Amino acid sequence: MVGKEKRIILALRSYFASAKRKKAVIGISGGVDSALTALLAVRAIGSKNVIGVLLPSSFTPKKDMEDARELCRMLKIRKIEINAIPLANATAGSLPMKLKPLSFGNLIARLRMLILYALANEENALVIGTGDKSEISIGYFTKYGDGACDILPIGNLYKTEAISLAKKFGIPPSICNKSSSPRLWKGHSAKGELGAEYEEIDSVLSLIEKGKKPKGKFARSIAKRIRESRHKRIAPPVV
């Protein structure tokens, strides 16, 4: 795992050097993925060059914000807090229909992306994504929302690997042990939406990656998610 950490840090340094950028903008949610990503970014380009952006909505628990602020303090990175809800409500209110919870949640994710890139433009920075291999593999992200970024440092780490690495490098237990959730609507949880904890999801993904065909209804549902979310992982086709 230490080898993976070094590879990620070196890759980040190389990418920023080739892009001729020194600063990074990262959305900090209070979850383990953004915490680990921010830590790796600090080790790669230094705390003075990392900007943590907190973008709470009405669905964001108070504890998430407390954890996000504490992480920024721990890593000694600059913190910016912006409430995305007024912008989301104004955008949704301008549409001719009432958005369903999923559509509104995805709208929030995409507006967060707009804010991150606006800040990155102002700072001459790159946006670092926080998605992990598990989420990317099954399409568990918003297209052109949290899936939009310039580089994905932990995109080759399964969720369980990311949690393990975060614990190893001193990310607070309150973050590492937290139940995973995109917080796109009230009561939203990854387990509730996906039907299992990431330990089970990752075991299936690992078998599929090795070319095996895991059996069972849940394994088939994961394979289906991989197939049907392929459009999220590729550039738009030119026809």
C-alpha atoms as a PDB file:
ATOM      1  CA  MET A   1       0.000   0.000   0.000  1.00  0.00           C
ATOM      2  CA  VAL A   2       2.907   2.335   0.734  1.00  0.00           C
ATOM      3  CA  GLY A   3       4.071   1.737  -2.832  1.00  0.00           C
ATOM      4  CA  LYS A   4       0.691   2.912  -4.086  1.00  0.00           C
ATOM      5  CA  GLU A   5       0.907   6.059  -1.990  1.00  0.00           C
ATOM      6  CA  LYS A   6       4.311   6.935  -3.456  1.00  0.00           C
ATOM      7  CA  ARG A   7       3.084   6.241  -6.985  1.00  0.00           C
ATOM      8  CA  ILE A   8       0.101   8.552  -6.502  1.00  0.00           C
ATOM      9  CA  ILE A   9       2.214  11.365  -5.069  1.00  0.00           C
ATOM     10  CA  LEU A  10       4.754  11.142  -7.890  1.00  0.00           C
ATOM     11  CA  ALA A  11       1.960  11.034 -10.478  1.00  0.00           C
ATOM     12  CA  LEU A  12       0.352  14.143  -8.984  1.00  0.00           C
ATOM     13  CA  ARG A  13       3.640  16.049  -9.026  1.00  0.00           C
ATOM     14  CA  SER A  14       4.293  15.039 -12.622  1.00  0.00           C
ATOM     15  CA  TYR A  15       0.782  15.985 -13.737  1.00  0.00           C
ATOM     16  CA  PHE A  16       0.898  19.415 -12.121  1.00  0.00           C
ATOM     17  CA  ALA A  17       4.347  20.062 -13.573  1.00  0.00           C
ATOM     18  CA  SER A  18       3.229  19.112 -17.088  1.00  0.00           C
ATOM     19  CA  ALA A  19       0.127  21.329 -16.755  1.00  0.00           C
ATOM     20  CA  LYS A  20       2.295  24.156 -15.391  1.00  0.00           C
ATOM     21  CA  ARG A  21       0.030  24.520 -12.372  1.00  0.00           C
ATOM     22  CA  LYS A  22       1.008  24.794  -8.720  1.00  0.00           C
ATOM     23  CA  LYS A  23      -2.358  24.922  -6.960  1.00  0.00           C
ATOM     24  CA  ALA A  24      -5.168  22.431  -6.483  1.00  0.00           C
ATOM     25  CA  VAL A  25      -8.849  22.837  -5.627  1.00  0.00           C
ATOM     26  CA  ILE A  26     -10.539  19.910  -3.869  1.00  0.00           C
ATOM     27  CA  GLY A  27     -14.123  19.497  -2.695  1.00  0.00           C
ATOM     28  CA  ILE A  28     -14.014  18.413   0.963  1.00  0.00           C
ATOM     29  CA  SER A  29     -17.150  16.540   2.011  1.00  0.00           C
ATOM     30  CA  GLY A  30     -16.205  15.181   5.417  1.00  0.00           C
ATOM     31  CA  GLY A  31     -15.919  11.693   3.931  1.00  0.00           C
ATOM     32  CA  VAL A  32     -12.923   9.394   3.642  1.00  0.00           C
ATOM     33  CA  ASP A  33     -12.281   9.768  -0.093  1.00  0.00           C
ATOM     34  CA  SER A  34     -11.930  13.544  -0.080  1.00  0.00           C
ATOM     35  CA  ALA A  35      -9.893  13.366   3.136  1.00  0.00           C
ATOM     36  CA  LEU A  36      -7.393  10.888   1.688  1.00  0.00           C
ATOM     37  CA  THR A  37      -7.233  12.782  -1.598  1.00  0.00           C
ATOM     38  CA  ALA A  38      -6.488  16.043   0.192  1.00  0.00           C
ATOM     39  CA  LEU A  39      -3.782  14.385   2.293  1.00  0.00           C
ATOM     40  CA  LEU A  40      -2.090  12.951  -0.802  1.00  0.00           C
ATOM     41  CA  ALA A  41      -2.319  16.319  -2.559  1.00  0.00           C
ATOM     42  CA  VAL A  42      -0.652  18.020   0.402  1.00  0.00           C
ATOM     43  CA  ARG A  43       2.163  15.483   0.318  1.00  0.00           C
ATOM     44  CA  ALA A  44       2.549  15.984  -3.418  1.00  0.00           C
ATOM     45  CA  ILE A  45       2.430  19.773  -3.822  1.00  0.00           C
ATOM     46  CA  GLY A  46       2.416  21.180  -0.279  1.00  0.00           C
ATOM     47  CA  SER A  47      -0.334  22.446   2.008  1.00  0.00           C
ATOM     48  CA  LYS A  48       0.033  26.068   0.880  1.00  0.00           C
ATOM     49  CA  ASN A  49      -0.981  25.015  -2.642  1.00  0.00           C
ATOM     50  CA  VAL A  50      -4.113  23.034  -1.722  1.00  0.00           C
ATOM     51  CA  ILE A  51      -7.504  24.731  -1.373  1.00  0.00           C
ATOM     52  CA  GLY A  52     -10.243  22.766   0.374  1.00  0.00           C
ATOM     53  CA  VAL A  53     -13.759  23.757  -0.655  1.00  0.00           C
ATOM     54  CA  LEU A  54     -16.726  22.869   1.544  1.00  0.00           C
ATOM     55  CA  LEU A  55     -20.017  22.905  -0.360  1.00  0.00           C
ATOM     56  CA  PRO A  56     -22.769  21.857   2.058  1.00  0.00           C
ATOM     57  CA  SER A  57     -26.399  21.464   1.112  1.00  0.00           C
ATOM     58  CA  SER A  58     -29.529  21.117   3.218  1.00  0.00           C
ATOM     59  CA  PHE A  59     -28.819  17.361   3.221  1.00  0.00           C
ATOM     60  CA  THR A  60     -25.321  17.718   4.707  1.00  0.00           C
ATOM     61  CA  PRO A  61     -25.136  16.549   8.346  1.00  0.00           C
ATOM     62  CA  LYS A  62     -23.546  18.925  10.829  1.00  0.00           C
ATOM     63  CA  LYS A  63     -20.973  16.241  11.683  1.00  0.00           C
ATOM     64  CA  ASP A  64     -19.776  16.136   8.074  1.00  0.00           C
ATOM     65  CA  MET A  65     -19.045  19.857   8.165  1.00  0.00           C
ATOM     66  CA  GLU A  66     -17.262  19.546  11.499  1.00  0.00           C
ATOM     67  CA  ASP A  67     -15.110  16.723  10.132  1.00  0.00           C
ATOM     68  CA  ALA A  68     -14.374  18.650   6.934  1.00  0.00           C
ATOM     69  CA  ARG A  69     -13.274  21.736   8.871  1.00  0.00           C
ATOM     70  CA  GLU A  70     -11.129  19.654  11.206  1.00  0.00           C
ATOM     71  CA  LEU A  71      -9.458  17.972   8.232  1.00  0.00           C
ATOM     72  CA  CYS A  72      -8.563  21.344   6.730  1.00  0.00           C
ATOM     73  CA  ARG A  73      -7.091  22.396  10.066  1.00  0.00           C
ATOM     74  CA  MET A  74      -5.172  19.145  10.393  1.00  0.00           C
ATOM     75  CA  LEU A  75      -3.698  19.418   6.896  1.00  0.00           C
ATOM     76  CA  LYS A  76      -3.154  23.183   7.268  1.00  0.00           C
ATOM     77  CA  ILE A  77      -4.832  23.941   3.960  1.00  0.00           C
ATOM     78  CA  ARG A  78      -6.819  27.004   2.974  1.00  0.00           C
ATOM     79  CA  LYS A  79     -10.573  26.520   3.457  1.00  0.00           C
ATOM     80  CA  ILE A  80     -13.461  28.033   1.510  1.00  0.00           C
ATOM     81  CA  GLU A  81     -17.108  27.400   2.482  1.00  0.00           C
ATOM     82  CA  ILE A  82     -19.948  28.004   0.033  1.00  0.00           C
ATOM     83  CA  ASN A  83     -23.603  27.021   0.441  1.00  0.00           C
ATOM     84  CA  ALA A  84     -24.700  25.482  -2.853  1.00  0.00           C
ATOM     85  CA  ILE A  85     -28.401  25.333  -1.980  1.00  0.00           C
ATOM     86  CA  PRO A  86     -29.451  28.910  -2.937  1.00  0.00           C
ATOM     87  CA  LEU A  87     -27.943  28.372  -6.384  1.00  0.00           C
ATOM     88  CA  ALA A  88     -29.561  24.938  -6.677  1.00  0.00           C
ATOM     89  CA  ASN A  89     -32.976  26.244  -5.621  1.00  0.00           C
ATOM     90  CA  ALA A  90     -32.754  29.152  -8.053  1.00  0.00           C
ATOM     91  CA  THR A  91     -31.769  26.839 -10.907  1.00  0.00           C
ATOM     92  CA  ALA A  92     -34.429  24.248 -10.108  1.00  0.00           C
ATOM     93  CA  GLY A  93     -37.036  26.991  -9.721  1.00  0.00           C
ATOM     94  CA  SER A  94     -36.354  28.244 -13.230  1.00  0.00           C
ATOM     95  CA  LEU A  95     -37.261  24.875 -14.775  1.00  0.00           C
ATOM     96  CA  PRO A  96     -40.775  24.102 -16.070  1.00  0.00           C
ATOM     97  CA  MET A  97     -41.150  21.009 -13.873  1.00  0.00           C
ATOM     98  CA  LYS A  98     -40.507  20.002 -10.265  1.00  0.00           C
ATOM     99  CA  LEU A  99     -37.344  17.935 -10.116  1.00  0.00           C
ATOM    100  CA  LYS A 100     -37.380  14.450  -8.635  1.00  0.00           C
ATOM    101  CA  PRO A 101     -35.011  13.892  -5.662  1.00  0.00           C
ATOM    102  CA  LEU A 102     -32.406  12.155  -7.835  1.00  0.00           C
ATOM    103  CA  SER A 103     -32.494  14.902 -10.460  1.00  0.00           C
ATOM    104  CA  PHE A 104     -32.203  17.611  -7.809  1.00  0.00           C
ATOM    105  CA  GLY A 105     -29.339  15.754  -6.143  1.00  0.00           C
ATOM    106  CA  ASN A 106     -27.489  15.504  -9.435  1.00  0.00           C
ATOM    107  CA  LEU A 107     -28.157  19.198 -10.036  1.00  0.00           C
ATOM    108  CA  ILE A 108     -26.442  20.002  -6.734  1.00  0.00           C
ATOM    109  CA  ALA A 109     -23.456  17.822  -7.692  1.00  0.00           C
ATOM    110  CA  ARG A 110     -23.116  19.607 -11.036  1.00  0.00           C
ATOM    111  CA  LEU A 111     -23.416  23.051  -9.471  1.00  0.00           C
ATOM    112  CA  ARG A 112     -20.670  22.086  -7.043  1.00  0.00           C
ATOM    113  CA  MET A 113     -18.511  21.243 -10.034  1.00  0.00           C
ATOM    114  CA  LEU A 114     -19.204  24.669 -11.557  1.00  0.00           C
ATOM    115  CA  ILE A 115     -18.129  26.338  -8.317  1.00  0.00           C
ATOM    116  CA  LEU A 116     -14.947  24.266  -8.034  1.00  0.00           C
ATOM    117  CA  TYR A 117     -13.927  25.143 -11.584  1.00  0.00           C
ATOM    118  CA  ALA A 118     -14.749  28.829 -11.121  1.00  0.00           C
ATOM    119  CA  LEU A 119     -12.447  28.877  -8.097  1.00  0.00           C
ATOM    120  CA  ALA A 120      -9.801  26.910  -9.989  1.00  0.00           C
ATOM    121  CA  ASN A 121      -9.936  29.449 -12.825  1.00  0.00           C
ATOM    122  CA  GLU A 122      -9.419  32.295 -10.373  1.00  0.00           C
ATOM    123  CA  GLU A 123      -6.529  30.532  -8.652  1.00  0.00           C
ATOM    124  CA  ASN A 124      -4.937  29.170 -11.862  1.00  0.00           C
ATOM    125  CA  ALA A 125      -5.392  25.755 -10.283  1.00  0.00           C
ATOM    126  CA  LEU A 126      -6.453  22.243 -11.240  1.00  0.00           C
ATOM    127  CA  VAL A 127      -9.478  20.463  -9.789  1.00  0.00           C
ATOM    128  CA  ILE A 128      -8.563  17.210  -8.081  1.00  0.00           C
ATOM    129  CA  GLY A 129     -11.325  14.597  -8.095  1.00  0.00           C
ATOM    130  CA  THR A 130     -12.062  12.392  -5.101  1.00  0.00           C
ATOM    131  CA  GLY A 131     -13.689   9.341  -6.691  1.00  0.00           C
ATOM    132  CA  ASP A 132     -12.377   5.871  -5.858  1.00  0.00           C
ATOM    133  CA  LYS A 133     -12.171   2.757  -8.042  1.00  0.00           C
ATOM    134  CA  SER A 134     -15.325   1.218  -6.585  1.00  0.00           C
ATOM    135  CA  GLU A 135     -17.473   4.266  -7.353  1.00  0.00           C
ATOM    136  CA  ILE A 136     -15.973   4.766 -10.795  1.00  0.00           C
ATOM    137  CA  SER A 137     -16.363   1.092 -11.755  1.00  0.00           C
ATOM    138  CA  ILE A 138     -20.096   0.980 -11.029  1.00  0.00           C
ATOM    139  CA  GLY A 139     -20.839   4.534 -12.138  1.00  0.00           C
ATOM    140  CA  TYR A 140     -21.680   5.711  -8.624  1.00  0.00           C
ATOM    141  CA  PHE A 141     -21.063   9.375  -9.324  1.00  0.00           C
ATOM    142  CA  THR A 142     -22.819  12.220 -11.110  1.00  0.00           C
ATOM    143  CA  LYS A 143     -21.795  12.616 -14.727  1.00  0.00           C
ATOM    144  CA  TYR A 144     -20.286  16.098 -15.148  1.00  0.00           C
ATOM    145  CA  GLY A 145     -20.763  16.556 -11.400  1.00  0.00           C
ATOM    146  CA  ASP A 146     -18.388  14.962  -8.898  1.00  0.00           C
ATOM    147  CA  GLY A 147     -17.131  12.912 -11.842  1.00  0.00           C
ATOM    148  CA  ALA A 148     -15.747  16.056 -13.503  1.00  0.00           C
ATOM    149  CA  CYS A 149     -12.143  16.847 -12.589  1.00  0.00           C
ATOM    150  CA  ASP A 150      -8.612  17.095 -13.938  1.00  0.00           C
ATOM    151  CA  ILE A 151      -7.094  14.086 -12.184  1.00  0.00           C
ATOM    152  CA  LEU A 152      -8.289  11.233  -9.944  1.00  0.00           C
ATOM    153  CA  PRO A 153      -5.523  10.330  -7.470  1.00  0.00           C
ATOM    154  CA  ILE A 154      -7.400   7.486  -5.756  1.00  0.00           C
ATOM    155  CA  GLY A 155      -9.267   6.330  -8.845  1.00  0.00           C
ATOM    156  CA  ASN A 156      -7.255   3.105  -8.826  1.00  0.00           C
ATOM    157  CA  LEU A 157      -7.979   2.305  -5.163  1.00  0.00           C
ATOM    158  CA  TYR A 158     -11.063   0.360  -4.165  1.00  0.00           C
ATOM    159  CA  LYS A 159     -13.114   1.981  -1.401  1.00  0.00           C
ATOM    160  CA  THR A 160     -11.845  -0.554   1.134  1.00  0.00           C
ATOM    161  CA  GLU A 161      -8.248   0.203   0.098  1.00  0.00           C
ATOM    162  CA  ALA A 162      -8.860   3.937   0.421  1.00  0.00           C
ATOM    163  CA  ILE A 163     -10.238   3.483   3.934  1.00  0.00           C
ATOM    164  CA  SER A 164      -7.272   1.317   4.913  1.00  0.00           C
ATOM    165  CA  LEU A 165      -4.767   3.857   3.583  1.00  0.00           C
ATOM    166  CA  ALA A 166      -6.606   6.749   5.240  1.00  0.00           C
ATOM    167  CA  LYS A 167      -6.436   4.985   8.607  1.00  0.00           C
ATOM    168  CA  LYS A 168      -2.746   4.263   8.118  1.00  0.00           C
ATOM    169  CA  PHE A 169      -1.942   7.905   7.494  1.00  0.00           C
ATOM    170  CA  GLY A 170      -3.830   9.250  10.468  1.00  0.00           C
ATOM    171  CA  ILE A 171      -7.133  10.439   9.029  1.00  0.00           C
ATOM    172  CA  PRO A 172      -9.456  10.740  12.077  1.00  0.00           C
ATOM    173  CA  PRO A 173     -11.621   7.682  12.891  1.00  0.00           C
ATOM    174  CA  SER A 174     -14.733   9.884  12.757  1.00  0.00           C
ATOM    175  CA  ILE A 175     -14.072  10.193   9.022  1.00  0.00           C
ATOM    176  CA  CYS A 176     -12.698   6.717   8.259  1.00  0.00           C
ATOM    177  CA  ASN A 177     -15.490   4.856  10.058  1.00  0.00           C
ATOM    178  CA  LYS A 178     -18.331   6.959   8.669  1.00  0.00           C
ATOM    179  CA  SER A 179     -21.024   5.289   6.561  1.00  0.00           C
ATOM    180  CA  SER A 180     -20.568   6.216   2.919  1.00  0.00           C
ATOM    181  CA  SER A 181     -23.136   8.562   1.357  1.00  0.00           C
ATOM    182  CA  PRO A 182     -23.197  11.121  -1.475  1.00  0.00           C
ATOM    183  CA  ARG A 183     -25.737  13.120   0.630  1.00  0.00           C
ATOM    184  CA  LEU A 184     -27.834  14.020  -2.413  1.00  0.00           C
ATOM    185  CA  TRP A 185     -31.169  13.721  -0.594  1.00  0.00           C
ATOM    186  CA  LYS A 186     -32.483  13.185   2.929  1.00  0.00           C
ATOM    187  CA  GLY A 187     -31.546   9.775   4.297  1.00  0.00           C
ATOM    188  CA  HIS A 188     -29.330   8.997   1.320  1.00  0.00           C
ATOM    189  CA  SER A 189     -26.826   6.195   1.925  1.00  0.00           C
ATOM    190  CA  ALA A 190     -24.568   4.197  -0.363  1.00  0.00           C
ATOM    191  CA  LYS A 191     -25.628   0.920   1.234  1.00  0.00           C
ATOM    192  CA  GLY A 192     -29.302   1.740   0.824  1.00  0.00           C
ATOM    193  CA  GLU A 193     -28.874   2.640  -2.828  1.00  0.00           C
ATOM    194  CA  LEU A 194     -26.368  -0.058  -3.809  1.00  0.00           C
ATOM    195  CA  GLY A 195     -27.739  -2.867  -1.668  1.00  0.00           C
ATOM    196  CA  ALA A 196     -24.531  -3.754   0.180  1.00  0.00           C
ATOM    197  CA  GLU A 197     -21.512  -2.427   2.028  1.00  0.00           C
ATOM    198  CA  TYR A 198     -18.368  -1.699   0.035  1.00  0.00           C
ATOM    199  CA  GLU A 199     -16.592  -4.793   1.408  1.00  0.00           C
ATOM    200  CA  GLU A 200     -19.039  -6.950  -0.542  1.00  0.00           C
ATOM    201  CA  ILE A 201     -19.030  -4.669  -3.572  1.00  0.00           C
ATOM    202  CA  ASP A 202     -15.230  -4.632  -3.710  1.00  0.00           C
ATOM    203  CA  SER A 203     -14.986  -8.410  -3.449  1.00  0.00           C
ATOM    204  CA  VAL A 204     -17.225  -8.721  -6.515  1.00  0.00           C
ATOM    205  CA  LEU A 205     -15.359  -6.004  -8.422  1.00  0.00           C
ATOM    206  CA  SER A 206     -12.033  -7.670  -7.649  1.00  0.00           C
ATOM    207  CA  LEU A 207     -13.222 -10.988  -9.058  1.00  0.00           C
ATOM    208  CA  ILE A 208     -14.571  -9.307 -12.196  1.00  0.00           C
ATOM    209  CA  GLU A 209     -11.273  -7.441 -12.651  1.00  0.00           C
ATOM    210  CA  LYS A 210      -9.458 -10.796 -12.542  1.00  0.00           C
ATOM    211  CA  GLY A 211     -11.641 -12.082 -15.368  1.00  0.00           C
ATOM    212  CA  LYS A 212     -13.833 -14.266 -13.189  1.00  0.00           C
ATOM    213  CA  LYS A 213     -17.624 -14.402 -13.176  1.00  0.00           C
ATOM    214  CA  PRO A 214     -18.936 -14.214  -9.603  1.00  0.00           C
ATOM    215  CA  LYS A 215     -22.286 -15.901  -9.122  1.00  0.00           C
ATOM    216  CA  GLY A 216     -25.434 -14.711  -7.417  1.00  0.00           C
ATOM    217  CA  LYS A 217     -28.072 -12.018  -7.795  1.00  0.00           C
ATOM    218  CA  PHE A 218     -25.970  -9.291  -6.179  1.00  0.00           C
ATOM    219  CA  ALA A 219     -22.932 -10.036  -8.347  1.00  0.00           C
ATOM    220  CA  ARG A 220     -25.131  -9.858 -11.440  1.00  0.00           C
ATOM    221  CA  SER A 221     -26.482  -6.486 -10.297  1.00  0.00           C
ATOM    222  CA  ILE A 222     -22.916  -5.159  -9.977  1.00  0.00           C
ATOM    223  CA  ALA A 223     -22.003  -6.463 -13.435  1.00  0.00           C
ATOM    224  CA  LYS A 224     -25.113  -4.739 -14.785  1.00  0.00           C
ATOM    225  CA  ARG A 225     -24.132  -1.445 -13.146  1.00  0.00           C
ATOM    226  CA  ILE A 226     -20.692  -1.684 -14.753  1.00  0.00           C
ATOM    227  CA  ARG A 227     -22.183  -2.247 -18.215  1.00  0.00           C
ATOM    228  CA  GLU A 228     -24.868   0.406 -17.984  1.00  0.00           C
ATOM    229  CA  SER A 229     -22.560   3.097 -16.581  1.00  0.00           C
ATOM    230  CA  ARG A 230     -19.880   2.713 -19.244  1.00  0.00           C
ATOM    231  CA  HIS A 231     -21.011   5.983 -20.850  1.00  0.00           C
ATOM    232  CA  LYS A 232     -19.919   7.788 -17.680  1.00  0.00           C
ATOM    233  CA  ARG A 233     -16.337   6.573 -18.005  1.00  0.00           C
ATOM    234  CA  ILE A 234     -15.627   7.368 -21.646  1.00  0.00           C
ATOM    235  CA  ALA A 235     -15.396  10.518 -23.717  1.00  0.00           C
ATOM    236  CA  PRO A 236     -18.532  11.308 -25.760  1.00  0.00           C
ATOM    237  CA  PRO A 237     -18.339   9.286 -28.986  1.00  0.00           C
ATOM    238  CA  VAL A 238     -17.915  11.161 -32.245  1.00  0.00           C
ATOM    239  CA  VAL A 239     -20.268   9.766 -34.896  1.00  0.00           C
END
